């Protein structure tokens, strides 16, 4: 699946709670595995409330693309992703 994500190669990501991209946006999916990400408080099977989001430098902006923590860990080296989370 990573071969179909050239637009995410070399991107910076920040780990954070999920926040909808726009007010009319309800959820997103991990760009790698497709798991659902929703804002904290949303209930449901297999819903994550935190992940890695694109930064303001991404072509479509901050929080536009999301990757779950498991896929980020498994793919960061192959995809040249950088974790720029400030702790």
N, C-alpha and C. Protein backbone atom coordinates (compact mmCIF):
# COMPACT_ATOMS: atom_id res chain seq x y z
N UNK A 1 0.82 -1.21 0.00
CA UNK A 1 0.00 0.00 0.00
C UNK A 1 0.86 1.26 0.00
N UNK A 2 2.04 1.20 0.62
CA UNK A 2 2.88 2.38 0.68
C UNK A 2 3.30 2.87 -0.69
N UNK A 3 3.38 1.98 -1.65
CA UNK A 3 3.74 2.39 -3.00
C UNK A 3 2.72 3.32 -3.62
N UNK A 4 1.51 3.32 -3.10
CA UNK A 4 0.46 4.19 -3.63
C UNK A 4 0.39 5.52 -2.89
N UNK A 5 1.38 5.82 -2.03
CA UNK A 5 1.36 7.05 -1.24
C UNK A 5 2.56 7.95 -1.52
N UNK A 6 2.94 8.16 -2.78
CA UNK A 6 4.12 8.99 -3.04
C UNK A 6 3.95 10.42 -2.53
N UNK A 7 2.74 10.91 -2.45
CA UNK A 7 2.47 12.27 -1.99
C UNK A 7 2.79 12.46 -0.50
N UNK A 8 2.97 11.36 0.23
CA UNK A 8 3.31 11.46 1.65
C UNK A 8 4.79 11.18 1.93
N UNK A 9 5.53 10.80 0.91
CA UNK A 9 6.96 10.51 1.12
C UNK A 9 7.69 11.77 1.58
N UNK A 10 8.49 11.61 2.65
CA UNK A 10 9.31 12.71 3.16
C UNK A 10 8.57 13.76 3.96
N UNK A 11 7.34 13.47 4.36
CA UNK A 11 6.55 14.46 5.09
C UNK A 11 6.88 14.51 6.58
N UNK A 12 6.60 15.65 7.19
CA UNK A 12 6.66 15.81 8.63
C UNK A 12 5.28 15.50 9.20
N UNK A 13 5.26 14.87 10.38
CA UNK A 13 4.01 14.56 11.06
C UNK A 13 4.11 14.95 12.53
N UNK A 14 2.97 15.27 13.11
CA UNK A 14 2.88 15.57 14.54
C UNK A 14 1.88 14.59 15.15
N UNK A 15 2.27 13.95 16.27
CA UNK A 15 1.34 13.07 16.98
C UNK A 15 0.45 13.94 17.86
N UNK A 16 -0.87 13.72 17.75
CA UNK A 16 -1.82 14.54 18.48
C UNK A 16 -3.20 13.90 18.49
N UNK A 17 -4.09 14.40 19.34
CA UNK A 17 -5.47 13.93 19.29
C UNK A 17 -6.08 14.31 17.94
N UNK A 18 -6.96 13.46 17.44
CA UNK A 18 -7.60 13.75 16.16
C UNK A 18 -8.46 15.00 16.25
N UNK A 19 -8.37 15.84 15.25
CA UNK A 19 -9.22 17.02 15.11
C UNK A 19 -9.66 17.07 13.67
N UNK A 20 -10.95 17.23 13.47
CA UNK A 20 -11.50 17.26 12.11
C UNK A 20 -10.87 18.40 11.30
N UNK A 21 -10.62 18.14 10.04
CA UNK A 21 -9.98 19.09 9.14
C UNK A 21 -10.84 20.34 8.92
N UNK A 22 -12.14 20.14 8.82
CA UNK A 22 -13.10 21.24 8.66
C UNK A 22 -14.30 20.96 9.55
N UNK A 23 -15.13 21.98 9.76
CA UNK A 23 -16.29 21.81 10.64
C UNK A 23 -17.29 20.79 10.09
N UNK A 24 -17.32 20.57 8.79
CA UNK A 24 -18.25 19.60 8.20
C UNK A 24 -17.59 18.24 7.98
N UNK A 25 -16.42 18.04 8.54
CA UNK A 25 -15.66 16.80 8.44
C UNK A 25 -15.95 15.99 9.69
N UNK A 26 -16.29 14.73 9.57
CA UNK A 26 -16.62 13.91 10.73
C UNK A 26 -15.47 13.01 11.17
N UNK A 27 -14.74 12.51 10.21
CA UNK A 27 -13.67 11.55 10.53
C UNK A 27 -12.66 11.50 9.39
N UNK A 28 -11.58 10.80 9.65
CA UNK A 28 -10.57 10.52 8.63
C UNK A 28 -10.20 9.05 8.76
N UNK A 29 -9.38 8.60 7.82
CA UNK A 29 -8.87 7.23 7.86
C UNK A 29 -7.36 7.28 7.79
N UNK A 30 -6.72 6.33 8.44
CA UNK A 30 -5.27 6.20 8.33
C UNK A 30 -4.95 6.02 6.85
N UNK A 31 -4.00 6.81 6.37
CA UNK A 31 -3.63 6.75 4.95
C UNK A 31 -3.02 5.42 4.57
N UNK A 32 -2.55 4.64 5.56
CA UNK A 32 -1.91 3.36 5.27
C UNK A 32 -2.88 2.20 5.42
N UNK A 33 -3.51 2.07 6.59
CA UNK A 33 -4.34 0.88 6.85
C UNK A 33 -5.84 1.14 6.77
N UNK A 34 -6.25 2.39 6.81
CA UNK A 34 -7.66 2.72 6.67
C UNK A 34 -8.46 2.76 7.95
N UNK A 35 -7.85 2.53 9.11
CA UNK A 35 -8.58 2.59 10.37
C UNK A 35 -9.19 3.99 10.52
N UNK A 36 -10.34 4.08 11.19
CA UNK A 36 -11.05 5.34 11.36
C UNK A 36 -10.49 6.14 12.54
N UNK A 37 -10.30 7.42 12.32
CA UNK A 37 -9.92 8.35 13.37
C UNK A 37 -11.04 9.36 13.54
N UNK A 38 -11.46 9.57 14.79
CA UNK A 38 -12.52 10.54 15.11
C UNK A 38 -12.13 11.31 16.35
N UNK A 39 -12.79 12.44 16.56
CA UNK A 39 -12.50 13.27 17.71
C UNK A 39 -12.83 12.52 19.00
N UNK A 40 -12.07 12.82 20.07
CA UNK A 40 -12.35 12.19 21.36
C UNK A 40 -13.82 12.34 21.74
N UNK A 41 -14.37 11.30 22.29
CA UNK A 41 -15.78 11.28 22.66
C UNK A 41 -16.63 10.47 21.69
N UNK A 42 -16.17 10.32 20.46
CA UNK A 42 -16.89 9.51 19.48
C UNK A 42 -16.75 8.05 19.87
N UNK A 43 -17.83 7.33 19.83
CA UNK A 43 -17.84 5.93 20.21
C UNK A 43 -17.97 5.05 18.98
N UNK A 44 -17.45 3.86 19.08
CA UNK A 44 -17.60 2.90 18.00
C UNK A 44 -16.46 1.91 17.98
N UNK A 45 -16.69 0.83 17.27
CA UNK A 45 -15.70 -0.23 17.16
C UNK A 45 -14.53 0.22 16.30
N UNK A 46 -13.33 -0.05 16.78
CA UNK A 46 -12.10 0.23 16.03
C UNK A 46 -11.91 1.70 15.65
N UNK A 47 -12.33 2.61 16.51
CA UNK A 47 -12.12 4.03 16.28
C UNK A 47 -10.93 4.49 17.12
N UNK A 48 -10.01 5.19 16.48
CA UNK A 48 -8.87 5.77 17.19
C UNK A 48 -9.13 7.26 17.38
N UNK A 49 -8.58 7.81 18.45
CA UNK A 49 -8.78 9.23 18.75
C UNK A 49 -7.46 10.01 18.70
N UNK A 50 -6.39 9.35 18.32
CA UNK A 50 -5.08 9.98 18.24
C UNK A 50 -4.29 9.34 17.11
N UNK A 51 -3.43 10.12 16.51
CA UNK A 51 -2.57 9.60 15.46
C UNK A 51 -1.56 10.64 15.05
N UNK A 52 -0.98 10.48 13.88
CA UNK A 52 0.00 11.41 13.34
C UNK A 52 -0.65 12.19 12.20
N UNK A 53 -0.58 13.51 12.29
CA UNK A 53 -1.20 14.38 11.29
C UNK A 53 -0.15 15.15 10.53
N UNK A 54 -0.47 15.47 9.28
CA UNK A 54 0.43 16.31 8.50
C UNK A 54 0.54 17.69 9.14
N UNK A 55 1.62 18.38 8.84
CA UNK A 55 1.91 19.69 9.41
C UNK A 55 1.49 20.80 8.45
N UNK A 56 1.59 22.06 8.86
CA UNK A 56 1.22 23.16 7.97
C UNK A 56 2.01 23.20 6.66
N UNK A 57 3.18 22.58 6.62
CA UNK A 57 3.98 22.56 5.39
C UNK A 57 3.49 21.60 4.33
N UNK A 58 2.52 20.75 4.65
CA UNK A 58 1.97 19.80 3.68
C UNK A 58 1.17 20.57 2.63
N UNK A 59 1.16 20.07 1.40
CA UNK A 59 0.52 20.78 0.29
C UNK A 59 -0.95 21.13 0.54
N UNK A 60 -1.66 20.32 1.32
CA UNK A 60 -3.06 20.62 1.63
C UNK A 60 -3.25 21.13 3.05
N UNK A 61 -2.15 21.26 3.78
CA UNK A 61 -2.21 21.86 5.10
C UNK A 61 -2.20 20.90 6.27
N UNK A 62 -2.23 21.51 7.41
CA UNK A 62 -2.20 20.81 8.70
C UNK A 62 -3.44 19.94 8.88
N UNK A 63 -3.23 18.75 9.41
CA UNK A 63 -4.32 17.81 9.75
C UNK A 63 -5.08 17.26 8.55
N UNK A 64 -4.55 17.45 7.34
CA UNK A 64 -5.26 16.94 6.16
C UNK A 64 -5.13 15.44 6.01
N UNK A 65 -3.96 14.90 6.26
CA UNK A 65 -3.72 13.46 6.18
C UNK A 65 -3.37 12.95 7.57
N UNK A 66 -3.82 11.75 7.87
CA UNK A 66 -3.58 11.12 9.17
C UNK A 66 -3.01 9.72 8.97
N UNK A 67 -2.14 9.33 9.89
CA UNK A 67 -1.57 7.98 9.92
C UNK A 67 -1.66 7.50 11.36
N UNK A 68 -2.16 6.28 11.58
CA UNK A 68 -2.25 5.77 12.94
C UNK A 68 -0.85 5.50 13.48
N UNK A 69 -0.73 5.44 14.80
CA UNK A 69 0.58 5.27 15.44
C UNK A 69 1.26 3.98 15.01
N UNK A 70 0.51 2.92 14.87
CA UNK A 70 1.09 1.63 14.48
C UNK A 70 1.68 1.71 13.07
N UNK A 71 0.95 2.28 12.14
CA UNK A 71 1.44 2.39 10.76
C UNK A 71 2.59 3.39 10.67
N UNK A 72 2.54 4.46 11.47
CA UNK A 72 3.64 5.42 11.46
C UNK A 72 4.93 4.73 11.88
N UNK A 73 4.88 3.97 12.97
CA UNK A 73 6.07 3.27 13.47
C UNK A 73 6.59 2.28 12.43
N UNK A 74 5.70 1.58 11.76
CA UNK A 74 6.09 0.55 10.79
C UNK A 74 6.59 1.15 9.47
N UNK A 75 6.17 2.37 9.15
CA UNK A 75 6.43 2.93 7.83
C UNK A 75 7.37 4.13 7.80
N UNK A 76 7.69 4.69 8.96
CA UNK A 76 8.43 5.96 8.99
C UNK A 76 9.78 5.89 8.28
N UNK A 77 10.51 4.80 8.44
CA UNK A 77 11.82 4.71 7.79
C UNK A 77 11.68 4.54 6.28
N UNK A 78 10.80 3.67 5.85
CA UNK A 78 10.57 3.42 4.43
C UNK A 78 10.08 4.67 3.71
N UNK A 79 9.23 5.45 4.40
CA UNK A 79 8.62 6.63 3.79
C UNK A 79 9.36 7.93 4.10
N UNK A 80 10.45 7.84 4.85
CA UNK A 80 11.21 9.04 5.24
C UNK A 80 10.34 10.06 5.97
N UNK A 81 9.48 9.55 6.84
CA UNK A 81 8.64 10.44 7.64
C UNK A 81 9.41 10.93 8.85
N UNK A 82 9.14 12.17 9.24
CA UNK A 82 9.76 12.75 10.42
C UNK A 82 8.69 13.07 11.46
N UNK A 83 8.94 12.64 12.69
CA UNK A 83 8.07 12.96 13.81
C UNK A 83 8.57 14.28 14.38
N UNK A 84 7.82 15.35 14.19
CA UNK A 84 8.22 16.67 14.68
C UNK A 84 7.38 17.09 15.88
N UNK A 85 6.83 16.11 16.58
CA UNK A 85 6.05 16.37 17.78
C UNK A 85 6.93 17.02 18.83
N UNK A 86 6.46 18.10 19.43
CA UNK A 86 7.17 18.76 20.52
C UNK A 86 6.56 18.26 21.82
N UNK A 87 7.40 17.71 22.68
CA UNK A 87 6.90 17.19 23.95
C UNK A 87 7.31 18.05 25.12
